[in-house]
Amino acid sequence: MDALLSLRNVTTGYGKKVILHDVSFDLDASSIVVLIGSNGAGKSTVL
């Protein structure tokens, strides 16, 4: 099945602070996913 969303080796941040480093994953259309983390962990940035 093809992925609905696919991330490969994503790195991003704000200023000099790295928020996400080398993140990779695939989400299928039938997937249910929960992102859990503290404030500033990068949850919204992933979306």
Protein backbone atom coordinates (compact mmCIF):
# COMPACT_ATOMS: atom_id res chain seq x y z
CA MET A 1 0.00 0.00 0.00
CA ASP A 2 1.25 3.51 -0.78
CA ALA A 3 1.87 5.84 2.13
CA LEU A 4 -0.57 8.71 2.65
CA LEU A 5 2.27 10.66 4.26
CA SER A 6 5.96 9.87 4.03
CA LEU A 7 8.82 11.71 5.76
CA ARG A 8 12.47 10.89 5.12
CA ASN A 9 15.40 12.26 7.07
CA VAL A 10 13.64 15.50 8.08
CA THR A 11 15.62 17.93 10.21
CA THR A 12 14.27 21.35 11.20
CA GLY A 13 14.51 23.91 13.94
CA TYR A 14 14.11 27.51 15.00
CA GLY A 15 17.20 29.67 14.99
CA LYS A 16 20.05 27.51 16.26
CA LYS A 17 17.77 25.13 18.20
CA VAL A 18 17.14 21.79 16.43
CA ILE A 19 13.54 20.65 16.98
CA LEU A 20 13.49 17.52 14.79
CA HIS A 21 16.60 15.61 13.72
CA ASP A 22 16.62 12.91 11.03
CA VAL A 23 12.93 11.97 11.43
CA SER A 24 11.54 9.34 9.03
CA PHE A 25 8.19 7.56 8.94
CA ASP A 26 5.32 6.43 6.68
CA LEU A 27 1.62 6.71 7.47
CA ASP A 28 -0.94 4.59 5.65
CA ALA A 29 -4.50 5.83 5.14
CA SER A 30 -5.76 3.32 7.73
CA SER A 31 -3.25 4.41 10.41
CA ILE A 32 -4.23 6.00 13.70
CA VAL A 33 -1.37 7.97 15.22
CA VAL A 34 -0.91 9.90 18.45
CA LEU A 35 1.96 12.36 18.92
CA ILE A 36 2.89 12.76 22.58
CA GLY A 37 5.53 15.09 23.93
CA SER A 38 6.23 18.06 26.13
CA ASN A 39 5.82 21.68 25.04
CA GLY A 40 8.37 22.55 22.38
CA ALA A 41 9.08 18.93 21.48
CA GLY A 42 8.13 19.42 17.80
CA LYS A 43 4.66 17.84 17.60
CA SER A 44 3.11 20.69 15.61
CA THR A 45 6.23 20.98 13.47
CA VAL A 46 5.81 17.36 12.35
CA LEU A 47 2.25 18.09 11.26
